Amino acid sequence: MNDARTSRVSGFTLLEAMVAVTILSLAIFGITAPFTIAAAGQVEDARRTLANALAQEMMEEILSKSHDDAAGGTAKRRRAEYDHIRDYAVLDEPAGRIEDLAGGVVDDVAAIGLSRHTRVHDVVVGGQTSPETVFLRVDVEMRYRGQRLLTLSRLVYCAPGVE
């Protein structure tokens, strides 16, 4: 006689299979998570490095321009026409439209979401006797998706009447 209570079928139950899959999933996640986190950190590092390079490039471009505005600050539409530090007083390059020194748009993957903003302000120092501006503050700010990533600032001495 074949008794149903005494015969055993070998194999896994559904519960055992689910527990095994859960343990295997956690193990795979534990192995791959550090690589995923490291890749995200590498993208962030590349973005910050590029933002710093773009800010430095703009600062060097601005500081290479004349301090004496003999032309009286005439409006210029293109950055290639800028010839005075004050021409950069309010320059905003939105994300996807940051230009390099040659005038081409920066298309590096790390540049996605980056924008560049420059400001030039007059600075009056305490005890200054001349009514003319002697110092200019130049700020170059890099933003990522609207959030400030970094700002470079320089104080530029402009001797009155000297280029």
C-alpha atoms as a PDB file:
ATOM      1  CA  MET A   1       0.000   0.000   0.000  1.00  0.00           C
ATOM      2  CA  ASN A   2       1.073   3.428  -0.817  1.00  0.00           C
ATOM      3  CA  ASP A   3       0.521   5.692   2.167  1.00  0.00           C
ATOM      4  CA  ALA A   4       0.447   9.446   1.300  1.00  0.00           C
ATOM      5  CA  ARG A   5       1.672  10.389   4.731  1.00  0.00           C
ATOM      6  CA  THR A   6       4.879   8.402   4.448  1.00  0.00           C
ATOM      7  CA  SER A   7       5.891   9.300   0.890  1.00  0.00           C
ATOM      8  CA  ARG A   8       8.192  12.376   0.624  1.00  0.00           C
ATOM      9  CA  VAL A   9       8.810  14.393  -2.498  1.00  0.00           C
ATOM     10  CA  SER A  10      12.225  16.025  -2.500  1.00  0.00           C
ATOM     11  CA  GLY A  11      12.574  19.737  -3.464  1.00  0.00           C
ATOM     12  CA  PHE A  12      12.079  23.252  -2.147  1.00  0.00           C
ATOM     13  CA  THR A  13       8.927  24.737  -0.784  1.00  0.00           C
ATOM     14  CA  LEU A  14       7.754  28.122  -2.032  1.00  0.00           C
ATOM     15  CA  LEU A  15       8.734  29.730   1.264  1.00  0.00           C
ATOM     16  CA  GLU A  16      12.269  28.322   1.063  1.00  0.00           C
ATOM     17  CA  ALA A  17      12.651  29.605  -2.498  1.00  0.00           C
ATOM     18  CA  MET A  18      11.476  33.100  -1.507  1.00  0.00           C
ATOM     19  CA  VAL A  19      13.907  33.227   1.418  1.00  0.00           C
ATOM     20  CA  ALA A  20      16.765  32.099  -0.864  1.00  0.00           C
ATOM     21  CA  VAL A  21      15.930  34.766  -3.475  1.00  0.00           C
ATOM     22  CA  THR A  22      15.745  37.466  -0.773  1.00  0.00           C
ATOM     23  CA  ILE A  23      19.132  36.495   0.660  1.00  0.00           C
ATOM     24  CA  LEU A  24      20.676  36.366  -2.818  1.00  0.00           C
ATOM     25  CA  SER A  25      19.219  39.807  -3.676  1.00  0.00           C
ATOM     26  CA  LEU A  26      20.635  41.355  -0.508  1.00  0.00           C
ATOM     27  CA  ALA A  27      24.045  39.818  -1.214  1.00  0.00           C
ATOM     28  CA  ILE A  28      24.084  41.185  -4.782  1.00  0.00           C
ATOM     29  CA  PHE A  29      23.029  44.623  -3.563  1.00  0.00           C
ATOM     30  CA  GLY A  30      25.743  44.556  -0.905  1.00  0.00           C
ATOM     31  CA  ILE A  31      28.365  43.743  -3.528  1.00  0.00           C
ATOM     32  CA  THR A  32      27.245  46.279  -6.168  1.00  0.00           C
ATOM     33  CA  ALA A  33      26.272  49.238  -3.915  1.00  0.00           C
ATOM     34  CA  PRO A  34      29.838  50.505  -3.351  1.00  0.00           C
ATOM     35  CA  PHE A  35      30.462  50.541  -7.102  1.00  0.00           C
ATOM     36  CA  THR A  36      27.279  52.510  -7.750  1.00  0.00           C
ATOM     37  CA  ILE A  37      28.105  55.023  -5.022  1.00  0.00           C
ATOM     38  CA  ALA A  38      31.674  55.362  -6.314  1.00  0.00           C
ATOM     39  CA  ALA A  39      30.426  55.997  -9.869  1.00  0.00           C
ATOM     40  CA  ALA A  40      28.081  58.736  -8.634  1.00  0.00           C
ATOM     41  CA  GLY A  41      30.948  60.300  -6.672  1.00  0.00           C
ATOM     42  CA  GLN A  42      33.163  60.202  -9.745  1.00  0.00           C
ATOM     43  CA  VAL A  43      30.553  62.104 -11.789  1.00  0.00           C
ATOM     44  CA  GLU A  44      30.282  64.729  -9.031  1.00  0.00           C
ATOM     45  CA  ASP A  45      34.083  65.067  -8.899  1.00  0.00           C
ATOM     46  CA  ALA A  46      34.263  65.484 -12.678  1.00  0.00           C
ATOM     47  CA  ARG A  47      31.551  68.166 -12.526  1.00  0.00           C
ATOM     48  CA  ARG A  48      33.359  70.099  -9.779  1.00  0.00           C
ATOM     49  CA  THR A  49      36.692  69.848 -11.600  1.00  0.00           C
ATOM     50  CA  LEU A  50      35.157  71.137 -14.831  1.00  0.00           C
ATOM     51  CA  ALA A  51      33.299  73.914 -12.978  1.00  0.00           C
ATOM     52  CA  ASN A  52      36.558  75.013 -11.359  1.00  0.00           C
ATOM     53  CA  ALA A  53      38.377  74.989 -14.716  1.00  0.00           C
ATOM     54  CA  LEU A  54      35.595  77.001 -16.387  1.00  0.00           C
ATOM     55  CA  ALA A  55      35.559  79.538 -13.554  1.00  0.00           C
ATOM     56  CA  GLN A  56      39.367  79.883 -13.675  1.00  0.00           C
ATOM     57  CA  GLU A  57      39.263  80.287 -17.453  1.00  0.00           C
ATOM     58  CA  MET A  58      36.692  83.088 -17.192  1.00  0.00           C
ATOM     59  CA  MET A  59      38.595  84.822 -14.377  1.00  0.00           C
ATOM     60  CA  GLU A  60      41.815  84.764 -16.412  1.00  0.00           C
ATOM     61  CA  GLU A  61      39.973  86.142 -19.437  1.00  0.00           C
ATOM     62  CA  ILE A  62      38.484  88.983 -17.381  1.00  0.00           C
ATOM     63  CA  LEU A  63      41.773  89.867 -15.678  1.00  0.00           C
ATOM     64  CA  SER A  64      43.523  90.044 -19.048  1.00  0.00           C
ATOM     65  CA  LYS A  65      41.267  92.936 -20.133  1.00  0.00           C
ATOM     66  CA  SER A  66      41.909  96.650 -19.780  1.00  0.00           C
ATOM     67  CA  HIS A  67      41.124  98.469 -16.531  1.00  0.00           C
ATOM     68  CA  ASP A  68      40.692 101.815 -18.269  1.00  0.00           C
ATOM     69  CA  ASP A  69      37.436 102.180 -20.151  1.00  0.00           C
ATOM     70  CA  ALA A  70      38.364 104.823 -22.733  1.00  0.00           C
ATOM     71  CA  ALA A  71      35.395 103.785 -24.888  1.00  0.00           C
ATOM     72  CA  GLY A  72      32.976 104.791 -22.145  1.00  0.00           C
ATOM     73  CA  GLY A  73      31.518 101.343 -21.596  1.00  0.00           C
ATOM     74  CA  THR A  74      29.829 100.873 -24.958  1.00  0.00           C
ATOM     75  CA  ALA A  75      27.436  97.953 -25.081  1.00  0.00           C
ATOM     76  CA  LYS A  76      28.779  94.828 -26.743  1.00  0.00           C
ATOM     77  CA  ARG A  77      26.657  91.881 -27.709  1.00  0.00           C
ATOM     78  CA  ARG A  78      29.292  89.186 -28.090  1.00  0.00           C
ATOM     79  CA  ARG A  79      31.856  88.189 -25.507  1.00  0.00           C
ATOM     80  CA  ALA A  80      34.570  88.162 -28.186  1.00  0.00           C
ATOM     81  CA  GLU A  81      34.112  91.958 -28.423  1.00  0.00           C
ATOM     82  CA  TYR A  82      34.654  92.569 -24.698  1.00  0.00           C
ATOM     83  CA  ASP A  83      37.761  94.715 -24.164  1.00  0.00           C
ATOM     84  CA  HIS A  84      37.293  96.019 -20.617  1.00  0.00           C
ATOM     85  CA  ILE A  85      36.754  94.399 -17.229  1.00  0.00           C
ATOM     86  CA  ARG A  86      33.456  96.269 -16.812  1.00  0.00           C
ATOM     87  CA  ASP A  87      32.077  94.569 -19.931  1.00  0.00           C
ATOM     88  CA  TYR A  88      31.721  91.477 -17.757  1.00  0.00           C
ATOM     89  CA  ALA A  89      29.663  93.336 -15.119  1.00  0.00           C
ATOM     90  CA  VAL A  90      26.649  91.081 -15.668  1.00  0.00           C
ATOM     91  CA  LEU A  91      27.359  88.074 -17.850  1.00  0.00           C
ATOM     92  CA  ASP A  92      25.161  85.009 -17.481  1.00  0.00           C
ATOM     93  CA  GLU A  93      25.764  81.835 -19.455  1.00  0.00           C
ATOM     94  CA  PRO A  94      22.867  79.439 -18.864  1.00  0.00           C
ATOM     95  CA  ALA A  95      23.222  75.670 -18.704  1.00  0.00           C
ATOM     96  CA  GLY A  96      24.097  74.224 -22.081  1.00  0.00           C
ATOM     97  CA  ARG A  97      25.400  77.552 -23.401  1.00  0.00           C
ATOM     98  CA  ILE A  98      28.737  78.015 -21.602  1.00  0.00           C
ATOM     99  CA  GLU A  99      31.342  79.143 -24.128  1.00  0.00           C
ATOM    100  CA  ASP A 100      35.034  78.302 -24.109  1.00  0.00           C
ATOM    101  CA  LEU A 101      37.804  80.770 -25.054  1.00  0.00           C
ATOM    102  CA  ALA A 102      37.406  79.972 -28.759  1.00  0.00           C
ATOM    103  CA  GLY A 103      33.684  80.803 -28.640  1.00  0.00           C
ATOM    104  CA  GLY A 104      32.508  77.202 -28.940  1.00  0.00           C
ATOM    105  CA  VAL A 105      29.936  75.760 -26.567  1.00  0.00           C
ATOM    106  CA  VAL A 106      31.351  73.423 -23.906  1.00  0.00           C
ATOM    107  CA  ASP A 107      29.781  70.036 -24.614  1.00  0.00           C
ATOM    108  CA  ASP A 108      31.489  67.881 -21.982  1.00  0.00           C
ATOM    109  CA  VAL A 109      29.111  65.460 -20.260  1.00  0.00           C
ATOM    110  CA  ALA A 110      30.173  66.912 -16.899  1.00  0.00           C
ATOM    111  CA  ALA A 111      28.947  70.348 -18.094  1.00  0.00           C
ATOM    112  CA  ILE A 112      25.321  69.239 -18.223  1.00  0.00           C
ATOM    113  CA  GLY A 113      23.391  71.423 -15.770  1.00  0.00           C
ATOM    114  CA  LEU A 114      26.285  73.886 -15.201  1.00  0.00           C
ATOM    115  CA  SER A 115      25.805  77.632 -15.653  1.00  0.00           C
ATOM    116  CA  ARG A 116      28.364  80.450 -15.290  1.00  0.00           C
ATOM    117  CA  HIS A 117      27.725  83.952 -13.962  1.00  0.00           C
ATOM    118  CA  THR A 118      30.082  86.922 -13.663  1.00  0.00           C
ATOM    119  CA  ARG A 119      29.701  90.159 -11.718  1.00  0.00           C
ATOM    120  CA  VAL A 120      31.997  93.182 -11.509  1.00  0.00           C
ATOM    121  CA  HIS A 121      31.457  95.702  -8.683  1.00  0.00           C
ATOM    122  CA  ASP A 122      33.118  98.956  -7.680  1.00  0.00           C
ATOM    123  CA  VAL A 123      34.769  98.776  -4.269  1.00  0.00           C
ATOM    124  CA  VAL A 124      35.392 101.842  -2.128  1.00  0.00           C
ATOM    125  CA  VAL A 125      38.048 101.387   0.512  1.00  0.00           C
ATOM    126  CA  GLY A 126      37.921 103.242   3.818  1.00  0.00           C
ATOM    127  CA  GLY A 127      40.212 106.280   3.735  1.00  0.00           C
ATOM    128  CA  GLN A 128      40.066 106.487  -0.052  1.00  0.00           C
ATOM    129  CA  THR A 129      40.574 110.149  -1.029  1.00  0.00           C
ATOM    130  CA  SER A 130      40.021 109.866  -4.775  1.00  0.00           C
ATOM    131  CA  PRO A 131      36.412 110.013  -6.017  1.00  0.00           C
ATOM    132  CA  GLU A 132      37.358 107.596  -8.797  1.00  0.00           C
ATOM    133  CA  THR A 133      37.009 103.854  -8.323  1.00  0.00           C
ATOM    134  CA  VAL A 134      40.342 102.369  -7.365  1.00  0.00           C
ATOM    135  CA  PHE A 135      39.300  98.748  -6.888  1.00  0.00           C
ATOM    136  CA  LEU A 136      36.978  96.389  -8.741  1.00  0.00           C
ATOM    137  CA  ARG A 137      35.678  93.148  -7.310  1.00  0.00           C
ATOM    138  CA  VAL A 138      35.321  90.405  -9.901  1.00  0.00           C
ATOM    139  CA  ASP A 139      33.166  87.360  -9.067  1.00  0.00           C
ATOM    140  CA  VAL A 140      32.761  84.264 -11.218  1.00  0.00           C
ATOM    141  CA  GLU A 141      30.108  81.888  -9.933  1.00  0.00           C
ATOM    142  CA  MET A 142      29.402  78.377 -11.172  1.00  0.00           C
ATOM    143  CA  ARG A 143      26.007  76.809 -10.504  1.00  0.00           C
ATOM    144  CA  TYR A 144      24.683  73.306 -10.950  1.00  0.00           C
ATOM    145  CA  ARG A 145      20.958  73.176 -11.645  1.00  0.00           C
ATOM    146  CA  GLY A 146      20.579  76.606 -10.044  1.00  0.00           C
ATOM    147  CA  GLN A 147      22.494  75.753  -6.845  1.00  0.00           C
ATOM    148  CA  ARG A 148      25.802  77.560  -6.218  1.00  0.00           C
ATOM    149  CA  LEU A 149      28.683  75.150  -6.701  1.00  0.00           C
ATOM    150  CA  LEU A 150      31.636  77.527  -6.334  1.00  0.00           C
ATOM    151  CA  THR A 151      32.574  81.206  -6.541  1.00  0.00           C
ATOM    152  CA  LEU A 152      35.940  82.738  -7.421  1.00  0.00           C
ATOM    153  CA  SER A 153      36.513  86.353  -6.328  1.00  0.00           C
ATOM    154  CA  ARG A 154      39.371  88.747  -7.066  1.00  0.00           C
ATOM    155  CA  LEU A 155      40.035  92.321  -6.034  1.00  0.00           C
ATOM    156  CA  VAL A 156      41.581  94.262  -8.925  1.00  0.00           C
ATOM    157  CA  TYR A 157      43.510  97.504  -8.431  1.00  0.00           C
ATOM    158  CA  CYS A 158      42.787 100.122 -11.066  1.00  0.00           C
ATOM    159  CA  ALA A 159      45.061 103.138 -10.795  1.00  0.00           C
ATOM    160  CA  PRO A 160      42.976 106.175 -11.785  1.00  0.00           C
ATOM    161  CA  GLY A 161      43.787 107.274 -15.328  1.00  0.00           C
ATOM    162  CA  VAL A 162      46.151 104.337 -15.922  1.00  0.00           C
ATOM    163  CA  GLU A 163      45.355 101.384 -18.141  1.00  0.00           C
END
